[in-house]
């Protein structure tokens, strides 16, 4: 690795999952949004490979995916010589997942989530990530996991600098009229 140069950067990640969102397969959808120094640099939205029996399970799968993306990003930044300040802050809206990922005394009672659980716990213990709670109404990854009304999409995407998608100034849920 090259010697770190310049100012250290912070990494913040928002992660969310919609439990059983696909009405045909009942697979959940993962959404991840990663910022470096308050600039959105990576977003991920994909259907999960497994069917989870609880929102806890689907959120932990999403958290594992986010952890893998962060590990890869940290490696790339370090290979460019960019110093990283502390662990990445990972924010999700499931209090049970936050507790199980970050409190060392917590015990996993769901065996089928063991791999996701242990992978995330190792990253927390190694100082790669720290997991915190983000309210469901302000979780920016929400826009990558489900269909949202236009106003809600505008609120979320304007917080990450993409309000130009709504250039006509119409932020309501009524149908837009386009000239022929």
N, C-alpha and C. Protein backbone atom coordinates (compact mmCIF):
# COMPACT_ATOMS: atom_id res chain seq x y z
N UNK A 1 0.83 -1.19 0.00
CA UNK A 1 0.00 0.00 0.00
C UNK A 1 0.87 1.24 0.00
N UNK A 2 0.47 2.24 -0.74
CA UNK A 2 1.22 3.50 -0.69
C UNK A 2 1.03 4.17 0.68
N UNK A 3 1.96 5.03 1.01
CA UNK A 3 1.84 5.77 2.27
C UNK A 3 0.65 6.71 2.17
N UNK A 4 -0.21 6.75 3.20
CA UNK A 4 -1.38 7.65 3.16
C UNK A 4 -0.95 9.11 3.08
N UNK A 5 -1.60 9.86 2.22
CA UNK A 5 -1.29 11.28 2.06
C UNK A 5 -2.58 12.09 2.05
N UNK A 6 -2.49 13.30 2.49
CA UNK A 6 -3.65 14.19 2.48
C UNK A 6 -4.51 14.01 3.71
N UNK A 7 -5.67 14.61 3.66
CA UNK A 7 -6.61 14.56 4.77
C UNK A 7 -7.37 13.24 4.77
N UNK A 8 -7.61 12.73 5.97
CA UNK A 8 -8.38 11.49 6.10
C UNK A 8 -9.83 11.73 5.72
N UNK A 9 -10.47 10.70 5.17
CA UNK A 9 -11.87 10.80 4.76
C UNK A 9 -12.75 9.95 5.67
N UNK A 10 -14.01 10.35 5.74
CA UNK A 10 -15.03 9.59 6.47
C UNK A 10 -15.89 8.84 5.48
N UNK A 11 -16.31 7.64 5.87
CA UNK A 11 -17.23 6.84 5.05
C UNK A 11 -18.52 6.65 5.85
N UNK A 12 -19.63 6.95 5.22
CA UNK A 12 -20.95 6.75 5.82
C UNK A 12 -21.79 5.93 4.86
N UNK A 13 -22.51 4.98 5.40
CA UNK A 13 -23.32 4.08 4.58
C UNK A 13 -24.73 3.98 5.13
N UNK A 14 -25.71 4.08 4.26
CA UNK A 14 -27.10 3.84 4.61
C UNK A 14 -27.49 2.51 3.98
N UNK A 15 -28.15 1.66 4.76
CA UNK A 15 -28.53 0.34 4.25
C UNK A 15 -29.98 0.05 4.65
N UNK A 16 -30.71 -0.61 3.75
CA UNK A 16 -32.10 -0.95 4.02
C UNK A 16 -32.48 -2.20 3.22
N UNK A 17 -33.52 -2.84 3.66
CA UNK A 17 -34.08 -3.98 2.94
C UNK A 17 -35.60 -3.94 3.09
N UNK A 18 -36.31 -4.33 2.04
CA UNK A 18 -37.76 -4.47 2.16
C UNK A 18 -38.07 -5.96 2.26
N UNK A 19 -38.56 -6.36 3.38
CA UNK A 19 -38.79 -7.78 3.63
C UNK A 19 -39.88 -8.33 2.71
N UNK A 20 -39.56 -9.37 1.96
CA UNK A 20 -40.50 -10.07 1.08
C UNK A 20 -41.21 -9.13 0.12
N UNK A 21 -40.48 -8.15 -0.41
CA UNK A 21 -41.07 -7.14 -1.26
C UNK A 21 -41.54 -7.64 -2.62
N UNK A 22 -40.93 -8.70 -3.14
CA UNK A 22 -41.36 -9.24 -4.42
C UNK A 22 -42.57 -10.14 -4.18
N UNK A 23 -43.72 -9.77 -4.73
CA UNK A 23 -44.95 -10.51 -4.43
C UNK A 23 -45.01 -11.90 -5.06
N UNK A 24 -44.16 -12.16 -6.06
CA UNK A 24 -44.14 -13.48 -6.70
C UNK A 24 -43.20 -14.43 -5.97
N UNK A 25 -41.95 -14.00 -5.75
CA UNK A 25 -40.95 -14.89 -5.14
C UNK A 25 -40.79 -14.68 -3.65
N UNK A 26 -41.31 -13.56 -3.11
CA UNK A 26 -41.16 -13.19 -1.71
C UNK A 26 -39.72 -12.95 -1.30
N UNK A 27 -38.89 -12.64 -2.28
CA UNK A 27 -37.52 -12.26 -1.96
C UNK A 27 -37.49 -10.78 -1.58
N UNK A 28 -36.58 -10.45 -0.70
CA UNK A 28 -36.40 -9.07 -0.26
C UNK A 28 -35.49 -8.34 -1.23
N UNK A 29 -35.44 -7.03 -1.07
CA UNK A 29 -34.61 -6.18 -1.92
C UNK A 29 -33.64 -5.41 -1.04
N UNK A 30 -32.36 -5.38 -1.41
CA UNK A 30 -31.34 -4.68 -0.65
C UNK A 30 -31.06 -3.34 -1.30
N UNK A 31 -30.92 -2.31 -0.47
CA UNK A 31 -30.52 -0.99 -0.93
C UNK A 31 -29.37 -0.48 -0.08
N UNK A 32 -28.31 0.00 -0.74
CA UNK A 32 -27.14 0.51 -0.04
C UNK A 32 -26.72 1.82 -0.71
N UNK A 33 -26.40 2.82 0.10
CA UNK A 33 -25.91 4.10 -0.40
C UNK A 33 -24.69 4.47 0.43
N UNK A 34 -23.54 4.64 -0.23
CA UNK A 34 -22.29 4.92 0.48
C UNK A 34 -21.78 6.31 0.11
N UNK A 35 -21.43 7.07 1.14
CA UNK A 35 -20.87 8.41 0.99
C UNK A 35 -19.42 8.41 1.42
N UNK A 36 -18.59 9.17 0.72
CA UNK A 36 -17.24 9.51 1.18
C UNK A 36 -17.22 11.02 1.29
N UNK A 37 -16.95 11.52 2.49
CA UNK A 37 -16.95 12.96 2.74
C UNK A 37 -18.26 13.61 2.27
N UNK A 38 -19.39 13.05 2.58
CA UNK A 38 -20.71 13.58 2.25
C UNK A 38 -21.03 13.61 0.76
N UNK A 39 -20.24 12.93 -0.04
CA UNK A 39 -20.51 12.83 -1.47
C UNK A 39 -20.95 11.39 -1.77
N UNK A 40 -22.13 11.22 -2.38
CA UNK A 40 -22.56 9.85 -2.70
C UNK A 40 -21.68 9.27 -3.81
N UNK A 41 -21.04 8.16 -3.53
CA UNK A 41 -20.12 7.61 -4.54
C UNK A 41 -20.49 6.20 -4.97
N UNK A 42 -21.34 5.54 -4.22
CA UNK A 42 -21.70 4.18 -4.60
C UNK A 42 -23.12 3.89 -4.12
N UNK A 43 -23.94 3.40 -5.03
CA UNK A 43 -25.26 2.94 -4.61
C UNK A 43 -25.52 1.57 -5.22
N UNK A 44 -26.30 0.79 -4.49
CA UNK A 44 -26.52 -0.62 -4.84
C UNK A 44 -27.98 -0.93 -4.58
N UNK A 45 -28.63 -1.55 -5.53
CA UNK A 45 -30.02 -1.95 -5.37
C UNK A 45 -30.21 -3.27 -6.11
N UNK A 46 -30.50 -4.32 -5.35
CA UNK A 46 -30.60 -5.63 -5.97
C UNK A 46 -31.49 -6.56 -5.13
N UNK A 47 -32.17 -7.46 -5.84
CA UNK A 47 -32.97 -8.46 -5.15
C UNK A 47 -32.03 -9.44 -4.45
N UNK A 48 -32.41 -9.87 -3.25
CA UNK A 48 -31.58 -10.81 -2.50
C UNK A 48 -31.70 -12.20 -3.10
N UNK A 49 -30.66 -13.01 -2.92
CA UNK A 49 -30.62 -14.35 -3.50
C UNK A 49 -31.44 -15.38 -2.73
N UNK A 50 -31.80 -15.07 -1.50
CA UNK A 50 -32.53 -16.03 -0.67
C UNK A 50 -33.85 -15.44 -0.21
N UNK A 51 -34.77 -16.30 0.20
CA UNK A 51 -36.02 -15.87 0.80
C UNK A 51 -35.81 -15.89 2.30
N UNK A 52 -36.02 -14.76 2.95
CA UNK A 52 -35.84 -14.66 4.40
C UNK A 52 -37.19 -14.72 5.09
N UNK A 53 -37.21 -15.36 6.25
CA UNK A 53 -38.47 -15.54 6.98
C UNK A 53 -38.81 -14.36 7.88
N UNK A 54 -37.91 -13.39 8.00
CA UNK A 54 -38.18 -12.24 8.87
C UNK A 54 -37.48 -11.00 8.33
N UNK A 55 -37.96 -9.84 8.78
CA UNK A 55 -37.30 -8.60 8.38
C UNK A 55 -35.90 -8.54 8.98
N UNK A 56 -35.70 -9.14 10.16
CA UNK A 56 -34.38 -9.21 10.78
C UNK A 56 -33.40 -9.91 9.83
N UNK A 57 -33.81 -11.02 9.26
CA UNK A 57 -32.95 -11.77 8.34
C UNK A 57 -32.63 -10.99 7.08
N UNK A 58 -33.64 -10.35 6.48
CA UNK A 58 -33.39 -9.60 5.25
C UNK A 58 -32.53 -8.37 5.52
N UNK A 59 -32.69 -7.73 6.68
CA UNK A 59 -31.85 -6.58 7.02
C UNK A 59 -30.41 -7.02 7.28
N UNK A 60 -30.22 -8.20 7.88
CA UNK A 60 -28.86 -8.68 8.13
C UNK A 60 -28.17 -9.07 6.82
N UNK A 61 -28.93 -9.61 5.87
CA UNK A 61 -28.35 -9.90 4.55
C UNK A 61 -27.91 -8.59 3.90
N UNK A 62 -28.75 -7.57 3.98
CA UNK A 62 -28.41 -6.26 3.41
C UNK A 62 -27.18 -5.67 4.10
N UNK A 63 -27.10 -5.83 5.41
CA UNK A 63 -25.96 -5.32 6.16
C UNK A 63 -24.66 -6.03 5.76
N UNK A 64 -24.74 -7.33 5.51
CA UNK A 64 -23.57 -8.07 5.04
C UNK A 64 -23.13 -7.57 3.67
N UNK A 65 -24.06 -7.33 2.76
CA UNK A 65 -23.73 -6.80 1.44
C UNK A 65 -23.05 -5.44 1.58
N UNK A 66 -23.61 -4.59 2.44
CA UNK A 66 -23.03 -3.26 2.67
C UNK A 66 -21.61 -3.39 3.21
N UNK A 67 -21.40 -4.32 4.13
CA UNK A 67 -20.07 -4.54 4.70
C UNK A 67 -19.08 -4.94 3.61
N UNK A 68 -19.49 -5.82 2.71
CA UNK A 68 -18.61 -6.25 1.62
C UNK A 68 -18.27 -5.08 0.69
N UNK A 69 -19.24 -4.22 0.39
CA UNK A 69 -18.99 -3.06 -0.45
C UNK A 69 -18.03 -2.09 0.24
N UNK A 70 -18.19 -1.92 1.54
CA UNK A 70 -17.32 -1.01 2.30
C UNK A 70 -15.89 -1.55 2.35
N UNK A 71 -15.73 -2.84 2.58
CA UNK A 71 -14.39 -3.43 2.61
C UNK A 71 -13.69 -3.20 1.27
N UNK A 72 -14.40 -3.41 0.17
CA UNK A 72 -13.81 -3.20 -1.16
C UNK A 72 -13.47 -1.73 -1.38
N UNK A 73 -14.34 -0.82 -0.96
CA UNK A 73 -14.09 0.61 -1.12
C UNK A 73 -12.90 1.05 -0.27
N UNK A 74 -12.82 0.58 0.96
CA UNK A 74 -11.69 0.93 1.82
C UNK A 74 -10.38 0.47 1.19
N UNK A 75 -10.38 -0.71 0.62
CA UNK A 75 -9.18 -1.23 -0.03
C UNK A 75 -8.77 -0.34 -1.21
N UNK A 76 -9.74 0.03 -2.04
CA UNK A 76 -9.45 0.88 -3.20
C UNK A 76 -8.90 2.23 -2.77
N UNK A 77 -9.53 2.83 -1.77
CA UNK A 77 -9.06 4.13 -1.29
C UNK A 77 -7.64 4.03 -0.75
N UNK A 78 -7.36 2.99 0.01
CA UNK A 78 -6.01 2.82 0.56
C UNK A 78 -4.99 2.58 -0.55
N UNK A 79 -5.37 1.87 -1.59
CA UNK A 79 -4.45 1.64 -2.71
C UNK A 79 -4.16 2.94 -3.47
N UNK A 80 -5.07 3.91 -3.39
CA UNK A 80 -4.84 5.23 -3.98
C UNK A 80 -4.07 6.13 -3.03
N UNK A 81 -3.81 5.66 -1.80
CA UNK A 81 -3.09 6.46 -0.82
C UNK A 81 -3.99 7.39 -0.03
N UNK A 82 -5.29 7.15 -0.04
CA UNK A 82 -6.23 7.99 0.69
C UNK A 82 -6.36 7.46 2.12
N UNK A 83 -6.05 8.28 3.12
CA UNK A 83 -6.21 7.82 4.51
C UNK A 83 -7.69 7.82 4.90
N UNK A 84 -8.08 6.84 5.70
CA UNK A 84 -9.48 6.69 6.12
C UNK A 84 -9.55 6.92 7.63
N UNK A 85 -10.47 7.79 8.06
CA UNK A 85 -10.62 8.13 9.46
C UNK A 85 -11.58 7.15 10.14
N UNK A 86 -11.06 6.24 10.90
CA UNK A 86 -11.87 5.34 11.71
C UNK A 86 -12.74 4.39 10.89
N UNK A 87 -13.63 3.70 11.59
CA UNK A 87 -14.53 2.77 10.90
C UNK A 87 -15.61 3.52 10.12
N UNK A 88 -16.15 2.86 9.12
CA UNK A 88 -17.28 3.42 8.36
C UNK A 88 -18.52 3.38 9.24
N UNK A 89 -19.32 4.44 9.20
CA UNK A 89 -20.59 4.47 9.92
C UNK A 89 -21.66 3.86 9.04
N UNK A 90 -22.25 2.77 9.50
CA UNK A 90 -23.29 2.08 8.74
C UNK A 90 -24.60 2.28 9.48
N UNK A 91 -25.59 2.86 8.79
CA UNK A 91 -26.86 3.21 9.43
C UNK A 91 -27.99 2.40 8.82
N UNK A 92 -28.74 1.70 9.69
CA UNK A 92 -29.90 0.95 9.23
C UNK A 92 -31.08 1.23 10.16
N UNK A 93 -32.27 0.87 9.74
CA UNK A 93 -33.48 1.24 10.49
C UNK A 93 -34.08 0.10 11.31
N UNK A 94 -33.36 -0.99 11.52
CA UNK A 94 -33.86 -2.11 12.30
C UNK A 94 -33.09 -2.17 13.62
N UNK A 95 -33.76 -1.84 14.72
CA UNK A 95 -33.10 -1.77 16.02
C UNK A 95 -32.51 -3.11 16.44
N UNK A 96 -33.18 -4.21 16.13
CA UNK A 96 -32.67 -5.53 16.48
C UNK A 96 -31.36 -5.85 15.77
N UNK A 97 -31.25 -5.45 14.51
CA UNK A 97 -30.02 -5.67 13.75
C UNK A 97 -28.90 -4.81 14.33
N UNK A 98 -29.20 -3.57 14.66
CA UNK A 98 -28.19 -2.68 15.24
C UNK A 98 -27.67 -3.27 16.54
N UNK A 99 -28.58 -3.72 17.38
CA UNK A 99 -28.18 -4.30 18.68
C UNK A 99 -27.33 -5.55 18.48
N UNK A 100 -27.77 -6.45 17.64
CA UNK A 100 -27.05 -7.70 17.44
C UNK A 100 -25.71 -7.49 16.74
N UNK A 101 -25.59 -6.46 15.94
CA UNK A 101 -24.34 -6.22 15.23
C UNK A 101 -23.32 -5.48 16.08
N UNK A 102 -23.77 -4.65 17.02
CA UNK A 102 -22.83 -3.76 17.69
C UNK A 102 -22.63 -4.02 19.18
N UNK A 103 -23.54 -4.70 19.85
CA UNK A 103 -23.40 -4.97 21.28
C UNK A 103 -22.73 -6.32 21.47
N UNK A 104 -21.52 -6.35 22.02
CA UNK A 104 -20.79 -7.61 22.14
C UNK A 104 -21.52 -8.69 22.96
N UNK A 105 -22.36 -8.28 23.91
CA UNK A 105 -23.06 -9.25 24.75
C UNK A 105 -24.27 -9.88 24.08
N UNK A 106 -24.68 -9.35 22.92
CA UNK A 106 -25.87 -9.89 22.26
C UNK A 106 -25.60 -11.32 21.76
N UNK A 107 -26.64 -12.11 21.77
CA UNK A 107 -26.52 -13.50 21.31
C UNK A 107 -27.47 -13.74 20.15
N UNK A 108 -27.00 -14.46 19.18
CA UNK A 108 -27.82 -14.79 18.02
C UNK A 108 -28.69 -15.97 18.35
N UNK A 109 -30.00 -15.83 18.16
CA UNK A 109 -30.92 -16.92 18.44
C UNK A 109 -31.47 -17.55 17.17
N UNK A 110 -31.10 -17.00 16.04
CA UNK A 110 -31.60 -17.49 14.75
C UNK A 110 -30.43 -18.12 13.98
N UNK A 111 -30.36 -19.41 13.96
CA UNK A 111 -29.22 -20.11 13.37
C UNK A 111 -29.08 -19.86 11.87
N UNK A 112 -30.21 -19.70 11.16
CA UNK A 112 -30.12 -19.53 9.72
C UNK A 112 -29.52 -18.18 9.32
N UNK A 113 -29.35 -17.25 10.25
CA UNK A 113 -28.72 -15.96 9.97
C UNK A 113 -27.27 -15.92 10.43
N UNK A 114 -26.71 -17.07 10.81
CA UNK A 114 -25.41 -17.12 11.48
C UNK A 114 -24.27 -16.56 10.62
N UNK A 115 -24.21 -16.88 9.35
CA UNK A 115 -23.09 -16.41 8.52
C UNK A 115 -23.11 -14.89 8.38
N UNK A 116 -24.27 -14.33 8.07
CA UNK A 116 -24.39 -12.87 7.97
C UNK A 116 -24.01 -12.23 9.30
N UNK A 117 -24.52 -12.78 10.39
CA UNK A 117 -24.28 -12.27 11.73
C UNK A 117 -22.78 -12.25 12.04
N UNK A 118 -22.12 -13.37 11.85
CA UNK A 118 -20.70 -13.45 12.20
C UNK A 118 -19.81 -12.61 11.29
N UNK A 119 -20.15 -12.52 10.03
CA UNK A 119 -19.38 -11.69 9.10
C UNK A 119 -19.45 -10.22 9.51
N UNK A 120 -20.64 -9.76 9.84
CA UNK A 120 -20.82 -8.36 10.25
C UNK A 120 -20.14 -8.12 11.59
N UNK A 121 -20.31 -9.05 12.54
CA UNK A 121 -19.69 -8.89 13.87
C UNK A 121 -18.17 -8.84 13.77
N UNK A 122 -17.58 -9.64 12.89
CA UNK A 122 -16.12 -9.60 12.69
C UNK A 122 -15.68 -8.22 12.20
N UNK A 123 -16.44 -7.65 11.27
CA UNK A 123 -16.09 -6.33 10.74
C UNK A 123 -16.22 -5.25 11.82
N UNK A 124 -17.21 -5.38 12.69
CA UNK A 124 -17.35 -4.43 13.80
C UNK A 124 -16.17 -4.58 14.75
N UNK A 125 -15.84 -5.81 15.11
CA UNK A 125 -14.73 -6.07 16.03
C UNK A 125 -13.39 -5.61 15.45
N UNK A 126 -13.22 -5.70 14.14
CA UNK A 126 -11.98 -5.29 13.48
C UNK A 126 -11.89 -3.78 13.27
N UNK A 127 -12.96 -3.05 13.58
CA UNK A 127 -12.94 -1.61 13.40
C UNK A 127 -13.14 -1.17 11.97
N UNK A 128 -13.70 -2.03 11.14
CA UNK A 128 -13.97 -1.68 9.75
C UNK A 128 -15.26 -0.89 9.64
N UNK A 129 -16.27 -1.31 10.40
CA UNK A 129 -17.57 -0.62 10.41
C UNK A 129 -18.03 -0.44 11.85
N UNK A 130 -18.94 0.51 12.04
CA UNK A 130 -19.71 0.63 13.28
C UNK A 130 -21.16 0.80 12.84
N UNK A 131 -22.05 0.10 13.48
CA UNK A 131 -23.45 0.06 13.06
C UNK A 131 -24.28 0.93 13.99
N UNK A 132 -25.12 1.77 13.41
CA UNK A 132 -25.98 2.65 14.18
C UNK A 132 -27.39 2.67 13.63
N UNK A 133 -28.29 3.25 14.39
CA UNK A 133 -29.72 3.29 14.04
C UNK A 133 -30.02 4.57 13.27
N UNK A 134 -30.76 4.43 12.21
CA UNK A 134 -31.27 5.56 11.42
C UNK A 134 -32.77 5.38 11.33
N UNK A 135 -33.52 6.42 11.58
CA UNK A 135 -34.98 6.34 11.52
C UNK A 135 -35.43 5.95 10.11
N UNK A 136 -36.46 5.15 10.03
CA UNK A 136 -36.97 4.69 8.74
C UNK A 136 -37.40 5.82 7.82
N UNK A 137 -37.81 6.95 8.40
CA UNK A 137 -38.25 8.08 7.57
C UNK A 137 -37.10 8.85 6.96
N UNK A 138 -35.91 8.72 7.53
CA UNK A 138 -34.76 9.47 7.03
C UNK A 138 -33.67 8.59 6.44
N UNK A 139 -33.92 7.29 6.36
CA UNK A 139 -32.92 6.37 5.81
C UNK A 139 -32.87 6.55 4.29
N UNK A 140 -31.75 7.06 3.79
CA UNK A 140 -31.62 7.38 2.37
C UNK A 140 -31.65 6.14 1.48
N UNK A 141 -31.33 4.97 2.03
CA UNK A 141 -31.35 3.74 1.23
C UNK A 141 -32.78 3.27 0.95
N UNK A 142 -33.75 3.88 1.59
CA UNK A 142 -35.15 3.54 1.38
C UNK A 142 -35.56 3.70 -0.08
N UNK A 143 -34.98 4.67 -0.75
CA UNK A 143 -35.30 4.92 -2.15
C UNK A 143 -34.82 3.83 -3.09
N UNK A 144 -33.96 2.95 -2.61
CA UNK A 144 -33.42 1.87 -3.44
C UNK A 144 -34.07 0.53 -3.17
N UNK A 145 -35.05 0.49 -2.27
CA UNK A 145 -35.64 -0.80 -1.90
C UNK A 145 -37.11 -0.94 -2.24
N UNK A 146 -37.80 0.14 -2.48
CA UNK A 146 -39.24 0.04 -2.71
C UNK A 146 -39.76 1.17 -3.58
N UNK A 147 -40.93 0.97 -4.12
CA UNK A 147 -41.59 2.03 -4.88
C UNK A 147 -42.11 3.06 -3.90
N UNK A 148 -41.81 4.31 -4.18
CA UNK A 148 -42.21 5.39 -3.29
C UNK A 148 -43.02 6.43 -4.04
N UNK A 149 -43.93 7.11 -3.35
CA UNK A 149 -44.63 8.23 -4.00
C UNK A 149 -43.63 9.31 -4.41
N UNK A 150 -43.98 10.07 -5.40
CA UNK A 150 -43.08 11.08 -5.98
C UNK A 150 -42.53 12.04 -4.92
N UNK A 151 -43.37 12.52 -4.03
CA UNK A 151 -42.92 13.47 -3.01
C UNK A 151 -41.88 12.84 -2.09
N UNK A 152 -42.10 11.62 -1.70
CA UNK A 152 -41.14 10.92 -0.83
C UNK A 152 -39.81 10.69 -1.56
N UNK A 153 -39.88 10.29 -2.83
CA UNK A 153 -38.66 10.14 -3.64
C UNK A 153 -37.91 11.47 -3.73
N UNK A 154 -38.65 12.55 -3.96
CA UNK A 154 -38.03 13.87 -4.05
C UNK A 154 -37.31 14.22 -2.75
N UNK A 155 -37.98 13.97 -1.61
CA UNK A 155 -37.37 14.27 -0.31
C UNK A 155 -36.06 13.50 -0.13
N UNK A 156 -36.09 12.21 -0.44
CA UNK A 156 -34.89 11.39 -0.26
C UNK A 156 -33.77 11.77 -1.22
N UNK A 157 -34.09 11.86 -2.51
CA UNK A 157 -33.06 12.10 -3.50
C UNK A 157 -32.53 13.53 -3.47
N UNK A 158 -33.31 14.49 -3.01
CA UNK A 158 -32.79 15.85 -2.89
C UNK A 158 -31.77 15.92 -1.75
N UNK A 159 -31.86 15.04 -0.78
CA UNK A 159 -30.87 15.01 0.31
C UNK A 159 -29.52 14.47 -0.16
N UNK A 160 -29.51 13.77 -1.29
CA UNK A 160 -28.23 13.28 -1.80
C UNK A 160 -27.80 14.02 -3.07
N UNK A 161 -28.46 15.13 -3.36
CA UNK A 161 -28.02 15.97 -4.47
C UNK A 161 -28.61 15.62 -5.81
N UNK A 162 -29.69 14.86 -5.86
CA UNK A 162 -30.27 14.47 -7.14
C UNK A 162 -31.67 15.04 -7.31
N UNK A 163 -31.87 16.26 -6.87
CA UNK A 163 -33.18 16.89 -7.04
C UNK A 163 -33.40 17.36 -8.47
N UNK A 164 -32.35 17.36 -9.30
CA UNK A 164 -32.51 17.78 -10.69
C UNK A 164 -33.37 16.79 -11.48
N UNK A 165 -33.60 15.61 -10.91
CA UNK A 165 -34.51 14.64 -11.55
C UNK A 165 -35.93 15.20 -11.57
N UNK A 166 -36.19 16.22 -10.75
CA UNK A 166 -37.51 16.80 -10.63
C UNK A 166 -37.45 18.25 -11.09
N UNK A 167 -36.82 18.48 -12.23
CA UNK A 167 -36.50 19.82 -12.70
C UNK A 167 -37.73 20.70 -12.93
N UNK A 168 -38.87 20.11 -13.22
CA UNK A 168 -40.03 20.94 -13.52
C UNK A 168 -40.63 21.57 -12.28
N UNK A 169 -40.11 21.25 -11.09
CA UNK A 169 -40.62 21.84 -9.86
C UNK A 169 -41.87 21.18 -9.34
N UNK A 170 -42.41 20.20 -10.04
CA UNK A 170 -43.63 19.50 -9.61
C UNK A 170 -43.23 18.36 -8.68
N UNK A 171 -43.52 18.51 -7.42
CA UNK A 171 -43.14 17.50 -6.44
C UNK A 171 -44.37 16.78 -5.89
N UNK A 172 -45.47 16.86 -6.56
CA UNK A 172 -46.68 16.20 -6.07
C UNK A 172 -46.81 14.82 -6.69
N UNK A 173 -47.80 14.09 -6.24
CA UNK A 173 -48.03 12.74 -6.75
C UNK A 173 -49.03 12.70 -7.90
N UNK A 174 -49.48 13.86 -8.35
CA UNK A 174 -50.43 13.85 -9.47
C UNK A 174 -49.68 13.54 -10.77
N UNK A 175 -50.42 13.10 -11.75
CA UNK A 175 -49.80 12.74 -13.03
C UNK A 175 -49.30 14.00 -13.74
N UNK A 176 -48.12 13.86 -14.31
CA UNK A 176 -47.53 14.97 -15.03
C UNK A 176 -48.03 14.96 -16.47
N UNK A 177 -48.26 16.17 -17.00
CA UNK A 177 -48.70 16.31 -18.39
C UNK A 177 -47.48 16.68 -19.22
N UNK A 178 -47.26 15.95 -20.28
CA UNK A 178 -46.15 16.23 -21.18
C UNK A 178 -46.70 16.74 -22.49
N UNK A 179 -46.09 17.78 -23.07
CA UNK A 179 -46.54 18.26 -24.37
C UNK A 179 -46.25 17.22 -25.45
N UNK A 180 -47.14 17.13 -26.42
CA UNK A 180 -46.97 16.16 -27.50
C UNK A 180 -45.94 16.57 -28.48
